Amino acid sequence: MFPTKIARAAGTGAEPDVWTDLGRIGQPLLVLAGADDAKFVAIGRRLAAAVGANARFETVAAAGHAAHLEQPAAFVAIVRAWLGGT
């Protein structure tokens, strides 16, 4: 029973919905997802669109949910390119 209580209190379903507030982010934002992780590619696209012009969405090729671990060189290249342009 204890893990169930924790999941209810601290799980993603217990967090407040902030999607309507994302457009207020005034800083540049890079959103990354592994190209093979369809769920998080969709969420990443939605997130970047909700933030607006300050956001850029990129996928890491040949990577799934842990793109930074699966394709670290590609991940770093995307982050460095983004940092160089901000």
PDB file of N, CA and C in Angstrom:
ATOM      1  N   MET A   1       0.814  -1.188   0.000  1.00  0.00           N
ATOM      2  CA  MET A   1       0.000   0.000   0.000  1.00  0.00           C
ATOM      3  C   MET A   1       0.862   1.258   0.000  1.00  0.00           C
ATOM      4  N   PHE A   2       1.984   1.248   0.671  1.00  0.00           N
ATOM      5  CA  PHE A   2       2.847   2.418   0.767  1.00  0.00           C
ATOM      6  C   PHE A   2       3.287   2.949  -0.593  1.00  0.00           C
ATOM      7  N   PRO A   3       3.808   2.114  -1.519  1.00  0.00           N
ATOM      8  CA  PRO A   3       4.204   2.639  -2.832  1.00  0.00           C
ATOM      9  C   PRO A   3       3.041   3.278  -3.589  1.00  0.00           C
ATOM     10  N   THR A   4       1.840   2.756  -3.425  1.00  0.00           N
ATOM     11  CA  THR A   4       0.670   3.334  -4.082  1.00  0.00           C
ATOM     12  C   THR A   4       0.416   4.747  -3.580  1.00  0.00           C
ATOM     13  N   LYS A   5       0.534   4.952  -2.278  1.00  0.00           N
ATOM     14  CA  LYS A   5       0.344   6.292  -1.707  1.00  0.00           C
ATOM     15  C   LYS A   5       1.385   7.265  -2.253  1.00  0.00           C
ATOM     16  N   ILE A   6       2.622   6.808  -2.352  1.00  0.00           N
ATOM     17  CA  ILE A   6       3.684   7.664  -2.887  1.00  0.00           C
ATOM     18  C   ILE A   6       3.378   8.030  -4.333  1.00  0.00           C
ATOM     19  N   ALA A   7       2.974   7.056  -5.128  1.00  0.00           N
ATOM     20  CA  ALA A   7       2.666   7.315  -6.534  1.00  0.00           C
ATOM     21  C   ALA A   7       1.530   8.326  -6.666  1.00  0.00           C
ATOM     22  N   ARG A   8       0.534   8.214  -5.829  1.00  0.00           N
ATOM     23  CA  ARG A   8      -0.590   9.158  -5.880  1.00  0.00           C
ATOM     24  C   ARG A   8      -0.173  10.558  -5.456  1.00  0.00           C
ATOM     25  N   ALA A   9       0.709  10.638  -4.486  1.00  0.00           N
ATOM     26  CA  ALA A   9       1.110  11.941  -3.957  1.00  0.00           C
ATOM     27  C   ALA A   9       2.192  12.618  -4.781  1.00  0.00           C
ATOM     28  N   ALA A  10       3.065  11.831  -5.411  1.00  0.00           N
ATOM     29  CA  ALA A  10       4.224  12.415  -6.073  1.00  0.00           C
ATOM     30  C   ALA A  10       4.344  12.049  -7.542  1.00  0.00           C
ATOM     31  N   GLY A  11       3.459  11.238  -8.054  1.00  0.00           N
ATOM     32  CA  GLY A  11       3.539  10.827  -9.453  1.00  0.00           C
ATOM     33  C   GLY A  11       3.154  11.956 -10.397  1.00  0.00           C
ATOM     34  N   THR A  12       3.378  11.728 -11.678  1.00  0.00           N
ATOM     35  CA  THR A  12       3.076  12.770 -12.669  1.00  0.00           C
ATOM     36  C   THR A  12       1.603  13.150 -12.675  1.00  0.00           C
ATOM     37  N   GLY A  13       0.730  12.250 -12.307  1.00  0.00           N
ATOM     38  CA  GLY A  13      -0.696  12.572 -12.247  1.00  0.00           C
ATOM     39  C   GLY A  13      -1.051  13.515 -11.116  1.00  0.00           C
ATOM     40  N   ALA A  14      -0.172  13.651 -10.130  1.00  0.00           N
ATOM     41  CA  ALA A  14      -0.424  14.532  -8.992  1.00  0.00           C
ATOM     42  C   ALA A  14       0.129  15.935  -9.211  1.00  0.00           C
ATOM     43  N   GLU A  15       0.926  16.110 -10.220  1.00  0.00           N
ATOM     44  CA  GLU A  15       1.532  17.413 -10.484  1.00  0.00           C
ATOM     45  C   GLU A  15       0.514  18.351 -11.131  1.00  0.00           C
ATOM     46  N   PRO A  16       0.612  19.645 -10.859  1.00  0.00           N
ATOM     47  CA  PRO A  16      -0.330  20.583 -11.472  1.00  0.00           C
ATOM     48  C   PRO A  16      -0.092  20.684 -12.980  1.00  0.00           C
ATOM     49  N   ASP A  17      -1.132  20.973 -13.709  1.00  0.00           N
ATOM     50  CA  ASP A  17      -1.054  21.160 -15.163  1.00  0.00           C
ATOM     51  C   ASP A  17      -0.495  22.550 -15.444  1.00  0.00           C
ATOM     52  N   VAL A  18       0.656  22.620 -16.100  1.00  0.00           N
ATOM     53  CA  VAL A  18       1.288  23.910 -16.381  1.00  0.00           C
ATOM     54  C   VAL A  18       1.358  24.211 -17.881  1.00  0.00           C
ATOM     55  N   TRP A  19       0.710  23.378 -18.703  1.00  0.00           N
ATOM     56  CA  TRP A  19       0.785  23.573 -20.151  1.00  0.00           C
ATOM     57  C   TRP A  19       0.365  24.977 -20.559  1.00  0.00           C
ATOM     58  N   THR A  20      -0.633  25.533 -19.909  1.00  0.00           N
ATOM     59  CA  THR A  20      -1.103  26.866 -20.300  1.00  0.00           C
ATOM     60  C   THR A  20      -0.125  27.964 -19.894  1.00  0.00           C
ATOM     61  N   ASP A  21       0.809  27.668 -18.997  1.00  0.00           N
ATOM     62  CA  ASP A  21       1.787  28.668 -18.556  1.00  0.00           C
ATOM     63  C   ASP A  21       3.077  28.652 -19.379  1.00  0.00           C
ATOM     64  N   LEU A  22       3.264  27.651 -20.226  1.00  0.00           N
ATOM     65  CA  LEU A  22       4.536  27.492 -20.927  1.00  0.00           C
ATOM     66  C   LEU A  22       4.862  28.665 -21.843  1.00  0.00           C
ATOM     67  N   GLY A  23       3.873  29.323 -22.395  1.00  0.00           N
ATOM     68  CA  GLY A  23       4.116  30.460 -23.265  1.00  0.00           C
ATOM     69  C   GLY A  23       4.765  31.635 -22.553  1.00  0.00           C
ATOM     70  N   ARG A  24       4.783  31.604 -21.234  1.00  0.00           N
ATOM     71  CA  ARG A  24       5.397  32.701 -20.462  1.00  0.00           C
ATOM     72  C   ARG A  24       6.900  32.510 -20.285  1.00  0.00           C
ATOM     73  N   ILE A  25       7.433  31.378 -20.734  1.00  0.00           N
ATOM     74  CA  ILE A  25       8.881  31.170 -20.634  1.00  0.00           C
ATOM     75  C   ILE A  25       9.552  32.148 -21.579  1.00  0.00           C
ATOM     76  N   GLY A  26      10.347  33.026 -21.042  1.00  0.00           N
ATOM     77  CA  GLY A  26      10.967  34.061 -21.848  1.00  0.00           C
ATOM     78  C   GLY A  26      12.382  33.741 -22.295  1.00  0.00           C
ATOM     79  N   GLN A  27      12.930  32.669 -21.785  1.00  0.00           N
ATOM     80  CA  GLN A  27      14.305  32.300 -22.104  1.00  0.00           C
ATOM     81  C   GLN A  27      14.323  31.274 -23.231  1.00  0.00           C
ATOM     82  N   PRO A  28      15.409  31.221 -23.997  1.00  0.00           N
ATOM     83  CA  PRO A  28      15.533  30.182 -25.022  1.00  0.00           C
ATOM     84  C   PRO A  28      15.469  28.797 -24.383  1.00  0.00           C
ATOM     85  N   LEU A  29      14.824  27.875 -25.069  1.00  0.00           N
ATOM     86  CA  LEU A  29      14.634  26.532 -24.539  1.00  0.00           C
ATOM     87  C   LEU A  29      14.906  25.510 -25.634  1.00  0.00           C
ATOM     88  N   LEU A  30      15.759  24.548 -25.331  1.00  0.00           N
ATOM     89  CA  LEU A  30      16.013  23.432 -26.230  1.00  0.00           C
ATOM     90  C   LEU A  30      15.297  22.216 -25.675  1.00  0.00           C
ATOM     91  N   VAL A  31      14.472  21.598 -26.497  1.00  0.00           N
ATOM     92  CA  VAL A  31      13.737  20.402 -26.118  1.00  0.00           C
ATOM     93  C   VAL A  31      14.286  19.257 -26.961  1.00  0.00           C
ATOM     94  N   LEU A  32      14.759  18.208 -26.305  1.00  0.00           N
ATOM     95  CA  LEU A  32      15.356  17.075 -27.004  1.00  0.00           C
ATOM     96  C   LEU A  32      14.596  15.794 -26.701  1.00  0.00           C
ATOM     97  N   ALA A  33      14.538  14.920 -27.699  1.00  0.00           N
ATOM     98  CA  ALA A  33      13.978  13.582 -27.512  1.00  0.00           C
ATOM     99  C   ALA A  33      14.695  12.626 -28.440  1.00  0.00           C
ATOM    100  N   GLY A  34      14.825  11.397 -28.015  1.00  0.00           N
ATOM    101  CA  GLY A  34      15.365  10.363 -28.890  1.00  0.00           C
ATOM    102  C   GLY A  34      14.377  10.083 -30.008  1.00  0.00           C
ATOM    103  N   ALA A  35      14.844  10.039 -31.225  1.00  0.00           N
ATOM    104  CA  ALA A  35      13.969   9.877 -32.383  1.00  0.00           C
ATOM    105  C   ALA A  35      13.163   8.587 -32.340  1.00  0.00           C
ATOM    106  N   ASP A  36      13.672   7.572 -31.653  1.00  0.00           N
ATOM    107  CA  ASP A  36      12.971   6.288 -31.579  1.00  0.00           C
ATOM    108  C   ASP A  36      11.955   6.213 -30.440  1.00  0.00           C
ATOM    109  N   ASP A  37      11.814   7.266 -29.673  1.00  0.00           N
ATOM    110  CA  ASP A  37      10.865   7.309 -28.557  1.00  0.00           C
ATOM    111  C   ASP A  37       9.650   8.129 -28.980  1.00  0.00           C
ATOM    112  N   ALA A  38       8.724   7.474 -29.664  1.00  0.00           N
ATOM    113  CA  ALA A  38       7.571   8.171 -30.262  1.00  0.00           C
ATOM    114  C   ALA A  38       6.775   8.969 -29.238  1.00  0.00           C
ATOM    115  N   LYS A  39       6.591   8.426 -28.038  1.00  0.00           N
ATOM    116  CA  LYS A  39       5.824   9.137 -27.018  1.00  0.00           C
ATOM    117  C   LYS A  39       6.473  10.468 -26.669  1.00  0.00           C
ATOM    118  N   PHE A  40       7.781  10.463 -26.432  1.00  0.00           N
ATOM    119  CA  PHE A  40       8.445  11.694 -26.012  1.00  0.00           C
ATOM    120  C   PHE A  40       8.776  12.615 -27.180  1.00  0.00           C
ATOM    121  N   VAL A  41       8.834  12.108 -28.385  1.00  0.00           N
ATOM    122  CA  VAL A  41       8.921  12.987 -29.553  1.00  0.00           C
ATOM    123  C   VAL A  41       7.638  13.804 -29.636  1.00  0.00           C
ATOM    124  N   ALA A  42       6.494  13.162 -29.469  1.00  0.00           N
ATOM    125  CA  ALA A  42       5.214  13.868 -29.513  1.00  0.00           C
ATOM    126  C   ALA A  42       5.108  14.885 -28.382  1.00  0.00           C
ATOM    127  N   ILE A  43       5.506  14.482 -27.180  1.00  0.00           N
ATOM    128  CA  ILE A  43       5.463  15.403 -26.038  1.00  0.00           C
ATOM    129  C   ILE A  43       6.430  16.565 -26.252  1.00  0.00           C
ATOM    130  N   GLY A  44       7.617  16.279 -26.762  1.00  0.00           N
ATOM    131  CA  GLY A  44       8.602  17.333 -27.011  1.00  0.00           C
ATOM    132  C   GLY A  44       8.123  18.340 -28.036  1.00  0.00           C
ATOM    133  N   ARG A  45       7.511  17.848 -29.104  1.00  0.00           N
ATOM    134  CA  ARG A  45       6.957  18.765 -30.112  1.00  0.00           C
ATOM    135  C   ARG A  45       5.865  19.634 -29.502  1.00  0.00           C
ATOM    136  N   ARG A  46       5.003  19.017 -28.702  1.00  0.00           N
ATOM    137  CA  ARG A  46       3.923  19.762 -28.062  1.00  0.00           C
ATOM    138  C   ARG A  46       4.491  20.807 -27.100  1.00  0.00           C
ATOM    139  N   LEU A  47       5.510  20.417 -26.335  1.00  0.00           N
ATOM    140  CA  LEU A  47       6.143  21.329 -25.392  1.00  0.00           C
ATOM    141  C   LEU A  47       6.751  22.528 -26.110  1.00  0.00           C
ATOM    142  N   ALA A  48       7.530  22.272 -27.143  1.00  0.00           N
ATOM    143  CA  ALA A  48       8.166  23.366 -27.885  1.00  0.00           C
ATOM    144  C   ALA A  48       7.119  24.282 -28.510  1.00  0.00           C
ATOM    145  N   ALA A  49       6.061  23.715 -29.048  1.00  0.00           N
ATOM    146  CA  ALA A  49       5.000  24.525 -29.645  1.00  0.00           C
ATOM    147  C   ALA A  49       4.303  25.375 -28.590  1.00  0.00           C
ATOM    148  N   ALA A  50       4.095  24.821 -27.400  1.00  0.00           N
ATOM    149  CA  ALA A  50       3.432  25.565 -26.334  1.00  0.00           C
ATOM    150  C   ALA A  50       4.291  26.718 -25.830  1.00  0.00           C
ATOM    151  N   VAL A  51       5.608  26.527 -25.820  1.00  0.00           N
ATOM    152  CA  VAL A  51       6.509  27.599 -25.392  1.00  0.00           C
ATOM    153  C   VAL A  51       6.540  28.700 -26.443  1.00  0.00           C
ATOM    154  N   GLY A  52       6.575  28.320 -27.699  1.00  0.00           N
ATOM    155  CA  GLY A  52       6.536  29.304 -28.774  1.00  0.00           C
ATOM    156  C   GLY A  52       7.893  29.548 -29.402  1.00  0.00           C
ATOM    157  N   ALA A  53       8.082  30.768 -29.859  1.00  0.00           N
ATOM    158  CA  ALA A  53       9.261  31.125 -30.651  1.00  0.00           C
ATOM    159  C   ALA A  53      10.580  30.952 -29.895  1.00  0.00           C
ATOM    160  N   ASN A  54      10.549  30.956 -28.580  1.00  0.00           N
ATOM    161  CA  ASN A  54      11.778  30.792 -27.793  1.00  0.00           C
ATOM    162  C   ASN A  54      12.246  29.342 -27.708  1.00  0.00           C
ATOM    163  N   ALA A  55      11.438  28.418 -28.207  1.00  0.00           N
ATOM    164  CA  ALA A  55      11.768  27.000 -28.064  1.00  0.00           C
ATOM    165  C   ALA A  55      12.188  26.385 -29.395  1.00  0.00           C
ATOM    166  N   ARG A  56      13.089  25.447 -29.292  1.00  0.00           N
ATOM    167  CA  ARG A  56      13.516  24.669 -30.459  1.00  0.00           C
ATOM    168  C   ARG A  56      13.449  23.189 -30.087  1.00  0.00           C
ATOM    169  N   PHE A  57      12.856  22.399 -30.954  1.00  0.00           N
ATOM    170  CA  PHE A  57      12.750  20.964 -30.730  1.00  0.00           C
ATOM    171  C   PHE A  57      13.704  20.242 -31.656  1.00  0.00           C
ATOM    172  N   GLU A  58      14.448  19.279 -31.113  1.00  0.00           N
ATOM    173  CA  GLU A  58      15.379  18.468 -31.889  1.00  0.00           C
ATOM    174  C   GLU A  58      15.240  17.014 -31.464  1.00  0.00           C
ATOM    175  N   THR A  59      15.499  16.112 -32.391  1.00  0.00           N
ATOM    176  CA  THR A  59      15.557  14.697 -32.049  1.00  0.00           C
ATOM    177  C   THR A  59      16.990  14.210 -32.190  1.00  0.00           C
ATOM    178  N   VAL A  60      17.318  13.227 -31.390  1.00  0.00           N
ATOM    179  CA  VAL A  60      18.614  12.574 -31.458  1.00  0.00           C
ATOM    180  C   VAL A  60      18.397  11.273 -32.225  1.00  0.00           C
ATOM    181  N   ALA A  61      19.020  11.178 -33.391  1.00  0.00           N
ATOM    182  CA  ALA A  61      18.848  10.003 -34.256  1.00  0.00           C
ATOM    183  C   ALA A  61      19.351   8.741 -33.580  1.00  0.00           C
ATOM    184  N   ALA A  62      18.706   7.636 -33.899  1.00  0.00           N
ATOM    185  CA  ALA A  62      19.104   6.304 -33.413  1.00  0.00           C
ATOM    186  C   ALA A  62      19.166   6.230 -31.890  1.00  0.00           C
ATOM    187  N   ALA A  63      18.248   6.947 -31.239  1.00  0.00           N
ATOM    188  CA  ALA A  63      18.194   6.939 -29.780  1.00  0.00           C
ATOM    189  C   ALA A  63      16.751   6.842 -29.322  1.00  0.00           C
ATOM    190  N   GLY A  64      16.582   6.259 -28.144  1.00  0.00           N
ATOM    191  CA  GLY A  64      15.266   6.146 -27.549  1.00  0.00           C
ATOM    192  C   GLY A  64      15.131   7.098 -26.377  1.00  0.00           C
ATOM    193  N   HIS A  65      14.596   6.593 -25.267  1.00  0.00           N
ATOM    194  CA  HIS A  65      14.277   7.427 -24.113  1.00  0.00           C
ATOM    195  C   HIS A  65      15.512   8.019 -23.431  1.00  0.00           C
ATOM    196  N   ALA A  66      16.624   7.333 -23.459  1.00  0.00           N
ATOM    197  CA  ALA A  66      17.846   7.822 -22.807  1.00  0.00           C
ATOM    198  C   ALA A  66      18.839   8.295 -23.876  1.00  0.00           C
ATOM    199  N   ALA A  67      18.420   9.243 -24.679  1.00  0.00           N
ATOM    200  CA  ALA A  67      19.223   9.703 -25.817  1.00  0.00           C
ATOM    201  C   ALA A  67      20.618  10.161 -25.410  1.00  0.00           C
ATOM    202  N   HIS A  68      20.732  10.799 -24.266  1.00  0.00           N
ATOM    203  CA  HIS A  68      22.031  11.290 -23.803  1.00  0.00           C
ATOM    204  C   HIS A  68      22.996  10.154 -23.493  1.00  0.00           C
ATOM    205  N   LEU A  69      22.465   8.987 -23.155  1.00  0.00           N
ATOM    206  CA  LEU A  69      23.307   7.817 -22.882  1.00  0.00           C
ATOM    207  C   LEU A  69      23.501   6.953 -24.124  1.00  0.00           C
ATOM    208  N   GLU A  70      22.476   6.881 -24.966  1.00  0.00           N
ATOM    209  CA  GLU A  70      22.521   6.016 -26.140  1.00  0.00           C
ATOM    210  C   GLU A  70      23.356   6.609 -27.273  1.00  0.00           C
ATOM    211  N   GLN A  71      23.310   7.910 -27.432  1.00  0.00           N
ATOM    212  CA  GLN A  71      24.055   8.600 -28.495  1.00  0.00           C
ATOM    213  C   GLN A  71      24.678   9.867 -27.916  1.00  0.00           C
ATOM    214  N   PRO A  72      25.628   9.716 -26.994  1.00  0.00           N
ATOM    215  CA  PRO A  72      26.158  10.906 -26.310  1.00  0.00           C
ATOM    216  C   PRO A  72      26.814  11.919 -27.237  1.00  0.00           C
ATOM    217  N   ALA A  73      27.532  11.471 -28.242  1.00  0.00           N
ATOM    218  CA  ALA A  73      28.197  12.430 -29.145  1.00  0.00           C
ATOM    219  C   ALA A  73      27.167  13.238 -29.923  1.00  0.00           C
ATOM    220  N   ALA A  74      26.127  12.593 -30.403  1.00  0.00           N
ATOM    221  CA  ALA A  74      25.077  13.302 -31.133  1.00  0.00           C
ATOM    222  C   ALA A  74      24.334  14.262 -30.208  1.00  0.00           C
ATOM    223  N   PHE A  75      24.061  13.808 -28.997  1.00  0.00           N
ATOM    224  CA  PHE A  75      23.394  14.648 -28.003  1.00  0.00           C
ATOM    225  C   PHE A  75      24.207  15.910 -27.729  1.00  0.00           C
ATOM    226  N   VAL A  76      25.497  15.726 -27.469  1.00  0.00           N
ATOM    227  CA  VAL A  76      26.375  16.864 -27.174  1.00  0.00           C
ATOM    228  C   VAL A  76      26.477  17.795 -28.385  1.00  0.00           C
ATOM    229  N   ALA A  77      26.544  17.248 -29.580  1.00  0.00           N
ATOM    230  CA  ALA A  77      26.618  18.084 -30.775  1.00  0.00           C
ATOM    231  C   ALA A  77      25.390  18.970 -30.915  1.00  0.00           C
ATOM    232  N   ILE A  78      24.221  18.421 -30.648  1.00  0.00           N
ATOM    233  CA  ILE A  78      22.983  19.209 -30.730  1.00  0.00           C
ATOM    234  C   ILE A  78      22.988  20.313 -29.670  1.00  0.00           C
ATOM    235  N   VAL A  79      23.367  19.961 -28.451  1.00  0.00           N
ATOM    236  CA  VAL A  79      23.389  20.960 -27.372  1.00  0.00           C
ATOM    237  C   VAL A  79      24.420  22.052 -27.672  1.00  0.00           C
ATOM    238  N   ARG A  80      25.601  21.660 -28.133  1.00  0.00           N
ATOM    239  CA  ARG A  80      26.635  22.673 -28.444  1.00  0.00           C
ATOM    240  C   ARG A  80      26.181  23.592 -29.570  1.00  0.00           C
ATOM    241  N   ALA A  81      25.571  23.046 -30.614  1.00  0.00           N
ATOM    242  CA  ALA A  81      25.086  23.876 -31.715  1.00  0.00           C
ATOM    243  C   ALA A  81      24.031  24.852 -31.220  1.00  0.00           C
ATOM    244  N   TRP A  82      23.143  24.379 -30.354  1.00  0.00           N
ATOM    245  CA  TRP A  82      22.100  25.243 -29.808  1.00  0.00           C
ATOM    246  C   TRP A  82      22.713  26.346 -28.925  1.00  0.00           C
ATOM    247  N   LEU A  83      23.667  25.970 -28.082  1.00  0.00           N
ATOM    248  CA  LEU A  83      24.316  26.960 -27.228  1.00  0.00           C
ATOM    249  C   LEU A  83      25.058  28.002 -28.050  1.00  0.00           C
ATOM    250  N   GLY A  84      25.657  27.577 -29.143  1.00  0.00           N
ATOM    251  CA  GLY A  84      26.364  28.516 -30.004  1.00  0.00           C
ATOM    252  C   GLY A  84      25.439  29.499 -30.696  1.00  0.00           C
ATOM    253  N   GLY A  85      24.181  29.149 -30.820  1.00  0.00           N
ATOM    254  CA  GLY A  85      23.228  30.030 -31.504  1.00  0.00           C
ATOM    255  C   GLY A  85      22.377  30.864 -30.568  1.00  0.00           C
ATOM    256  N   THR A  86      22.554  30.681 -29.252  1.00  0.00           N
ATOM    257  CA  THR A  86      21.719  31.446 -28.315  1.00  0.00           C
ATOM    258  C   THR A  86      22.455  32.617 -27.746  1.00  0.00           C
TER     259      THR A  86
END
